Protein backbone atom coordinates (compact mmCIF):
# COMPACT_ATOMS: atom_id res chain seq x y z
CA MET A 1 31.05 -114.60 41.63
CA ARG A 2 28.65 -111.69 41.49
CA THR A 3 25.33 -111.49 43.34
CA ARG A 4 22.54 -109.01 42.69
CA PHE A 5 19.07 -108.92 44.21
CA LEU A 6 15.97 -108.21 42.16
CA THR A 7 12.53 -107.37 43.29
CA ALA A 8 12.90 -110.42 41.59
CA THR A 9 16.39 -111.16 43.00
CA LEU A 10 18.96 -111.81 40.31
CA ILE A 11 21.95 -113.94 41.30
CA ILE A 12 24.63 -114.42 38.66
CA LEU A 13 27.54 -116.82 39.17
CA GLY A 14 30.61 -117.08 36.95
CA THR A 15 32.41 -120.39 36.54
CA LEU A 16 36.14 -119.78 36.13
CA PRO A 17 38.05 -123.00 34.42
CA PHE A 18 52.28 -85.21 15.98
CA SER A 19 53.04 -82.12 14.74
CA TYR A 20 50.05 -83.47 16.53
CA ALA A 21 50.41 -87.01 17.84
CA SER A 22 47.52 -89.08 19.11
CA SER A 23 47.98 -92.39 20.85
CA THR A 24 45.66 -95.29 20.08
CA GLN A 25 45.65 -98.80 21.51
CA ILE A 26 44.86 -101.88 19.45
CA ASP A 27 44.32 -105.15 21.34
CA GLY A 28 45.15 -108.60 20.02
CA LEU A 29 45.19 -112.18 21.31
CA ILE A 30 48.03 -114.43 20.18
CA ARG A 31 46.81 -117.97 19.51
CA THR A 32 49.07 -120.90 18.66
CA GLY A 33 48.47 -122.19 15.15
CA GLU A 34 45.98 -119.42 14.32
CA PRO A 35 46.04 -115.78 13.24
CA ILE A 36 46.06 -113.11 15.93
CA LEU A 37 42.55 -112.27 17.10
CA TRP A 38 42.16 -108.48 16.94
CA ILE A 39 39.54 -106.20 18.43
CA ASP A 40 38.83 -104.21 15.28
CA GLU A 41 36.21 -103.71 12.59
CA ASP A 42 37.74 -105.78 9.77
CA PRO A 43 36.93 -109.53 9.67
CA ASP A 44 40.19 -110.29 7.83
CA PRO A 45 42.71 -111.35 10.53
CA TYR A 46 45.59 -109.93 8.49
CA ILE A 47 43.99 -106.51 7.84
CA VAL A 48 43.74 -104.37 10.98
CA LYS A 49 41.83 -101.11 11.13
CA ILE A 50 43.28 -99.14 14.03
CA PRO A 51 40.57 -97.54 16.25
CA TRP A 52 39.47 -94.07 15.15
CA ASN A 53 41.53 -91.07 16.31
CA ARG A 54 40.10 -87.63 16.90
CA SER A 55 42.58 -84.82 16.44
CA PRO A 56 41.82 -81.43 17.99
CA SER A 57 44.20 -79.74 15.52
CA TYR A 58 41.63 -79.19 12.78
CA SER A 59 38.45 -78.90 14.87
CA GLY A 60 36.94 -75.51 14.13
CA THR A 61 39.12 -74.92 11.03
CA SER A 62 36.96 -74.19 7.97
CA ALA A 63 37.90 -74.27 4.29
CA LYS A 64 36.34 -75.07 0.93
CA ASN A 65 39.13 -77.34 -0.35
CA TRP A 66 40.74 -80.26 1.49
CA CYS A 67 43.33 -82.91 0.67
CA VAL A 68 44.45 -85.84 2.82
CA GLY A 69 47.17 -88.45 2.60
CA ALA A 70 49.47 -90.98 4.27
CA GLY A 71 52.85 -89.52 5.19
CA THR A 72 54.23 -86.19 6.32
CA TYR A 73 54.98 -82.97 4.43
CA GLY A 74 57.21 -83.92 1.50
CA ASN A 75 57.94 -87.39 2.85
CA ASN A 76 56.19 -90.75 2.87
CA GLY A 77 58.35 -92.85 5.18
CA GLY A 78 57.54 -96.11 3.41
CA ILE A 79 55.01 -98.87 3.84
CA ASN A 80 56.99 -101.57 5.65
CA LYS A 81 57.22 -101.26 9.43
CA SER A 82 58.50 -103.43 12.26
CA VAL A 83 57.15 -103.49 15.80
CA LYS A 84 59.15 -104.93 18.69
CA LEU A 85 56.75 -106.62 21.12
CA SER A 86 58.22 -106.70 24.63
CA GLY A 87 56.85 -109.01 27.29
CA PRO A 88 57.66 -110.52 30.71
CA ASP A 89 61.25 -111.02 31.88
CA GLY A 90 62.77 -109.21 28.90
CA ALA A 91 61.19 -111.51 26.31
CA SER A 92 60.54 -109.94 22.92
CA VAL A 93 59.59 -110.75 19.35
CA SER A 94 59.26 -108.61 16.20
CA MET A 95 56.02 -108.27 14.26
CA GLU A 96 56.22 -107.10 10.65
CA LEU A 97 53.45 -105.00 9.14
CA ARG A 98 52.63 -102.83 6.11
CA TYR A 99 51.03 -99.40 6.45
CA ILE A 100 48.65 -99.80 3.51
CA ALA A 101 46.08 -97.02 3.94
CA THR A 102 44.57 -94.33 6.08
CA GLU A 103 40.86 -93.64 6.48
CA TRP A 104 39.12 -90.34 7.20
CA LYS A 105 35.59 -90.07 8.57
CA LEU A 106 33.87 -86.98 7.20
CA LYS A 107 31.13 -84.95 8.85
CA SER A 108 29.73 -84.20 5.40
CA VAL A 109 30.20 -85.74 1.96
CA PRO A 110 32.05 -83.41 -0.49
CA ASP A 111 30.03 -81.51 -3.08
CA SER A 112 32.63 -82.52 -5.67
CA THR A 113 36.24 -83.68 -6.08
CA PHE A 114 39.26 -82.47 -8.03
CA SER A 115 42.83 -83.56 -8.77
CA SER A 116 45.46 -82.89 -6.11
CA PRO A 117 47.47 -79.69 -6.71
CA GLN A 118 50.38 -81.28 -4.81
CA GLY A 119 50.81 -84.00 -7.44
CA GLY A 120 49.59 -86.72 -5.08
CA LYS A 121 49.29 -90.25 -6.46
CA GLN A 122 47.63 -92.02 -3.56
CA GLU A 123 44.33 -93.55 -4.64
CA LEU A 124 41.24 -92.24 -2.81
CA THR A 125 37.98 -94.20 -2.57
CA MET A 126 34.79 -93.03 -0.86
CA TYR A 127 32.68 -95.46 1.19
CA GLY A 128 29.74 -93.35 2.28
CA ASP A 129 31.20 -90.78 4.68
CA VAL A 130 34.57 -92.58 4.91
CA ALA A 131 37.46 -91.71 2.58
CA ASN A 132 40.05 -94.48 2.14
CA VAL A 133 43.49 -93.35 0.90
CA LYS A 134 45.90 -96.10 -0.22
CA ASN A 135 49.49 -95.57 0.84
CA ASP A 136 51.68 -95.89 -2.25
CA GLY A 137 54.90 -95.69 -0.22
CA MET A 138 56.23 -92.80 -2.31
CA THR A 139 53.97 -89.74 -2.40
CA TRP A 140 52.25 -88.13 0.56
CA SER A 141 48.91 -86.85 -0.77
CA SER A 142 45.82 -88.38 -2.31
CA GLU A 143 45.33 -87.95 -6.04
CA THR A 144 41.77 -86.73 -5.42
CA CYS A 145 40.74 -83.91 -3.06
CA PHE A 146 37.44 -82.68 -1.58
CA LYS A 147 35.59 -79.53 -2.65
CA TYR A 148 32.75 -77.90 -0.69
CA GLU A 149 30.60 -74.99 -1.81
CA LEU A 150 30.76 -73.48 1.69
CA ALA A 151 33.75 -73.40 4.03
CA VAL A 152 33.54 -76.36 6.41
CA ALA A 153 35.65 -78.40 8.83
CA PRO A 154 34.68 -81.79 7.38
CA ILE A 155 37.12 -84.21 9.00
CA SER A 156 36.06 -85.66 12.34
CA LEU A 157 38.18 -88.83 12.71
CA PHE A 158 41.08 -90.67 11.09
CA ARG A 159 42.72 -94.05 11.42
CA PRO A 160 45.58 -95.99 9.81
CA VAL A 161 44.98 -99.39 8.22
CA ILE A 162 47.71 -102.03 8.39
CA GLU A 163 48.34 -105.39 6.76
CA LEU A 164 50.14 -108.22 8.53
CA ASP A 165 52.42 -110.81 6.96
CA PRO A 166 50.87 -114.29 7.48
CA SER A 167 54.28 -116.00 7.53
CA ASN A 168 55.58 -113.56 10.17
CA ILE A 169 52.46 -114.03 12.30
CA ALA A 170 52.91 -117.81 12.02
CA TYR A 171 56.52 -117.34 13.18
CA VAL A 172 55.41 -115.21 16.15
CA SER A 173 52.81 -117.82 17.09
CA GLN A 174 55.41 -120.59 16.80
CA GLN A 175 57.68 -118.89 19.33
CA PHE A 176 54.94 -119.20 21.94
CA ASP A 177 53.88 -122.67 20.85
CA GLU A 178 57.43 -123.97 21.28
CA GLY A 179 57.78 -122.35 24.71
CA LYS A 180 60.45 -119.89 23.60
CA LEU A 181 58.36 -116.98 24.89
CA PRO A 182 56.43 -116.95 28.19
CA SER A 183 52.75 -116.22 28.65
CA GLY A 184 51.76 -112.67 29.47
CA THR A 185 51.18 -109.25 27.97
CA TYR A 186 53.37 -107.95 25.12
CA LEU A 187 53.60 -104.26 24.21
CA GLY A 188 54.97 -102.47 21.16
CA SER A 189 54.40 -99.23 19.30
CA VAL A 190 54.79 -97.67 15.86
CA SER A 191 54.16 -94.22 14.42
CA LEU A 192 51.93 -94.06 11.33
CA PRO A 193 51.81 -90.46 10.02
CA THR A 194 49.00 -88.82 8.06
CA ILE A 195 48.60 -85.36 6.57
CA VAL A 196 45.82 -82.80 5.94
CA TRP A 197 45.90 -79.87 3.49
CA SER A 198 43.36 -77.09 2.96
CA THR A 199 43.02 -73.64 1.42
CA ASP A 200 42.87 -70.36 3.28
CA ARG A 201 40.07 -67.82 2.81
CA PHE A 202 41.84 -66.43 -0.27
CA GLY A 203 42.00 -69.86 -1.91
CA ASN A 204 45.73 -70.32 -1.32
CA TRP A 205 46.91 -73.83 -0.45
CA PHE A 206 48.87 -74.32 2.71
CA TYR A 207 50.05 -77.24 4.78
CA ARG A 208 47.60 -77.73 7.59
CA HIS A 209 48.50 -80.63 9.86
CA SER A 210 50.82 -83.58 10.04
CA LEU A 211 49.12 -86.07 12.31
CA SER A 212 51.04 -88.93 13.84
CA ALA A 213 48.98 -91.90 14.98
CA ASP A 214 51.21 -93.48 17.61
CA VAL A 215 49.74 -96.98 17.72
CA LEU A 216 50.25 -99.05 20.88
CA PHE A 217 49.96 -102.78 20.27
CA TYR A 218 48.69 -104.54 23.38
CA LEU A 219 48.92 -108.28 22.77
CA GLU A 220 48.02 -111.09 25.12
CA TYR A 221 49.24 -114.66 25.16
CA GLN A 222 47.16 -116.19 27.93
CA ALA A 223 44.63 -118.94 28.42
CA ASP A 224 40.95 -118.06 28.38
CA ARG A 225 39.56 -117.16 31.77
CA ILE A 226 36.67 -115.27 33.34
CA ALA A 227 38.15 -112.61 35.60
CA GLN A 228 34.97 -110.90 36.78
CA ILE A 229 31.30 -110.37 36.07
CA ARG A 230 29.72 -106.94 36.42
CA VAL A 231 25.97 -106.44 36.53
CA GLU A 232 24.24 -103.16 35.74
CA GLY A 233 20.54 -102.44 36.04
CA SER A 234 17.69 -101.69 38.40
CA ASP A 235 16.59 -104.24 40.98
CA ASN A 236 13.07 -102.85 41.00
CA ILE A 237 10.31 -103.84 38.62
CA ILE A 238 7.93 -100.88 38.52
CA PRO A 239 4.34 -102.15 38.07
CA ASP A 240 2.39 -100.74 35.13
CA THR A 241 -1.32 -100.65 36.03
CA TRP A 242 -2.37 -98.10 33.39
CA THR A 243 -1.69 -99.69 30.00
CA THR A 244 -4.33 -102.40 30.43
CA PRO A 245 -7.14 -101.63 32.91
CA GLY A 246 -7.41 -104.23 35.65
CA MET A 247 -4.07 -105.85 34.72
CA VAL A 248 -0.47 -105.27 35.77
CA HIS A 249 2.76 -105.51 33.75
CA GLY A 250 6.40 -104.84 34.59
CA LYS A 251 9.94 -105.16 33.29
CA THR A 252 13.51 -104.51 34.33
CA VAL A 253 16.71 -104.97 32.31
CA TYR A 254 20.10 -106.21 33.45
CA THR A 255 23.31 -105.78 31.45
CA THR A 256 26.11 -108.16 32.38
CA HIS A 257 29.76 -107.71 31.44
CA ILE A 258 31.73 -110.98 31.49
CA GLU A 259 35.36 -109.87 31.47
CA GLY A 260 38.71 -111.63 31.13
CA ILE A 261 40.04 -113.53 28.11
CA VAL A 262 36.99 -114.95 26.36
CA SER A 263 38.13 -115.67 22.79
CA ASN A 264 35.53 -118.42 22.33
CA GLY A 265 32.76 -116.53 24.07
CA VAL A 266 30.86 -117.87 27.05
CA LYS A 267 27.86 -120.09 27.61
CA VAL A 268 25.04 -119.41 30.03
CA SER A 269 22.71 -121.86 31.71
CA LEU A 270 19.95 -121.74 34.31
CA ALA A 271 20.62 -123.30 37.71
CA ARG A 272 17.73 -125.31 39.16
CA PRO A 273 15.64 -125.33 35.96
CA ASP A 274 12.89 -127.33 37.68
CA SER A 275 12.09 -124.46 40.09
CA ASP A 276 9.01 -122.25 40.06
CA TYR A 277 10.11 -118.79 38.98
CA SER A 278 7.56 -116.42 40.43
CA LEU A 279 7.43 -113.25 42.48
CA ASN A 280 5.78 -114.00 45.81
CA PRO A 281 4.34 -111.64 48.46
CA VAL A 282 6.54 -110.98 51.47
CA ASN A 283 3.93 -110.29 54.16
CA THR A 284 0.86 -112.08 52.78
CA PRO A 285 0.53 -115.88 52.72
CA GLU A 286 1.44 -116.93 49.20
CA SER A 287 -0.80 -119.01 46.99
CA GLU A 288 -1.06 -120.13 43.40
CA THR A 289 -3.38 -117.21 42.78
CA ASN A 290 -1.40 -114.30 44.23
CA LYS A 291 2.04 -115.18 42.90
CA ILE A 292 3.41 -113.48 39.75
CA PRO A 293 5.19 -115.84 37.31
CA PHE A 294 7.94 -113.98 35.47
CA ASN A 295 9.91 -114.31 32.22
CA VAL A 296 13.62 -114.01 31.46
CA PHE A 297 14.77 -113.21 27.92
CA CYS A 298 18.44 -113.06 26.87
CA ARG A 299 18.78 -110.62 23.96
CA GLU A 300 22.21 -111.79 22.73
CA CYS A 301 22.02 -115.54 23.41
CA GLU A 302 22.55 -117.67 20.28
CA GLY A 303 22.91 -114.45 18.29
CA THR A 304 19.18 -113.88 17.91
CA GLY A 305 17.87 -113.96 21.48
CA VAL A 306 16.53 -116.77 23.67
CA THR A 307 13.71 -116.97 26.21
CA ILE A 308 15.15 -118.82 29.19
CA ILE A 309 12.13 -118.62 31.53
CA GLU A 310 8.54 -118.19 30.37
CA ASN A 311 5.58 -117.69 32.67
CA GLY A 312 7.56 -118.97 35.65
CA ARG A 313 8.95 -122.12 34.03
CA ALA A 314 12.31 -122.91 32.40
CA LEU A 315 11.88 -123.75 28.74
CA SER A 316 14.73 -126.25 28.89
CA ALA A 317 16.00 -128.46 31.70
CA SER A 318 19.58 -128.73 30.43
CA SER A 319 20.31 -126.13 27.75
CA TYR A 320 23.47 -124.04 27.47
CA TYR A 321 23.13 -120.86 25.42
CA SER A 322 26.12 -119.35 23.66
CA LEU A 323 27.20 -115.72 23.95
CA LEU A 324 29.77 -114.48 21.43
CA ASP A 325 31.41 -111.12 20.85
CA ASN A 326 34.12 -109.71 18.60
CA ASN A 327 35.82 -108.39 21.74
CA PHE A 328 37.87 -111.19 23.30
CA ARG A 329 38.23 -109.13 26.50
CA GLU A 330 34.52 -108.92 27.22
CA VAL A 331 31.18 -110.47 26.39
CA VAL A 332 28.09 -108.37 27.07
CA ALA A 333 24.68 -109.94 27.69
CA THR A 334 21.35 -108.24 28.33
CA PHE A 335 18.60 -109.97 30.30
CA GLU A 336 15.02 -108.74 30.37
CA VAL A 337 13.02 -109.80 33.43
CA SER A 338 9.29 -109.21 32.99
CA TYR A 339 5.75 -110.23 33.80
CA ARG A 340 2.52 -109.53 31.90
CA ASP A 341 -1.26 -109.66 32.18
CA LYS A 342 -1.55 -110.41 35.88
CA SER A 343 -4.99 -109.53 37.26
CA LEU A 344 -4.91 -106.84 39.94
CA ASP A 345 -7.81 -108.58 41.70
CA GLU A 346 -5.47 -111.50 42.49
CA LEU A 347 -2.75 -109.39 44.11
CA TYR A 348 -2.23 -107.78 47.50
CA ASN A 349 -0.75 -104.42 48.41
CA ASP A 350 2.58 -105.99 49.26
CA THR A 351 6.23 -106.33 48.21
CA TYR A 352 6.88 -109.22 45.86
CA LEU A 353 10.24 -110.99 45.64
CA GLY A 354 11.67 -113.76 43.51
CA SER A 355 15.02 -115.04 42.29
CA PHE A 356 16.84 -117.07 39.69
CA THR A 357 20.47 -118.04 39.17
CA LEU A 358 22.44 -118.01 35.92
CA LEU A 359 25.77 -119.76 35.44
CA PHE A 360 28.39 -118.39 33.05
CA GLU A 361 31.17 -120.65 31.77
CA LEU A 362 33.86 -120.35 29.14
CA GLY A 363 32.83 -121.35 25.64
CA MET A 364 34.63 -124.19 23.94
């Protein structure tokens, strides 16, 4: 449970039911009878784009010609990989994967392209400022390279792309479903090498960097739960008396982080929806005239945003609003608390307070 006080007071309750080597963590949730739920950018559950890596090796290095690829100098290492996932009490299971591509995020799009002088056969495709190089399992350089009119250091980020075997993932899931593996956190790692080539200032090609993305798989097999709720934002609504003469407006914003295992998202509801949601003076006798009805708007609720309270009244007496996120570890919700067009003549020089309570529960 997390309590915060507004100038409206906000109370939120949670209901619980190499060469250079860079290390990157990819998080997944093992679900019985379903594909693994990954925190990544690809909607396909069997294609996983590892989070972007930034390598300091080529920052500040400028050249006119660049080539990239999957593999190391003179060696590919193959596409098929196996990751041993180790969990509680010595439990383990193997996950099979294919290293199918590597992607490079460029600071600037090449002026032109040319065929690889290293005889590379890996197919390169540009998607805006991202170059995708397919791993052919044999060669170690793309068939197409980048050319710039001026010497630049164009590569800012890189990441491997992997493909999972559906039958193997079904087998992994079955081990948990049948109780052969206990609940908990399972860790495993694999090295997925990439390579960068460029020319020197005389136009001579030389091997620049072999970059090893050491990928740490951090998989959970646990029931959904809300572990904690964090609230960020200012408790003070600063009155705006200048925008509209004779009237006062104000707004504050709260960002809530609902953390735990929330694979189905969460739902939020308003406690005591029949209450009057207004800011009332602390030292002056309150009345219907001098109170300030306020609004609460949830930006992410239902995907498009929902007004929960309008002009001091709940818009629904029993509604639950869904909050979903691609990140099963956290759902983020933003709440705007505001009031508008209140006449200054009706207010006192006083401190105004108010409150409302939101309930967060696991989604179904």
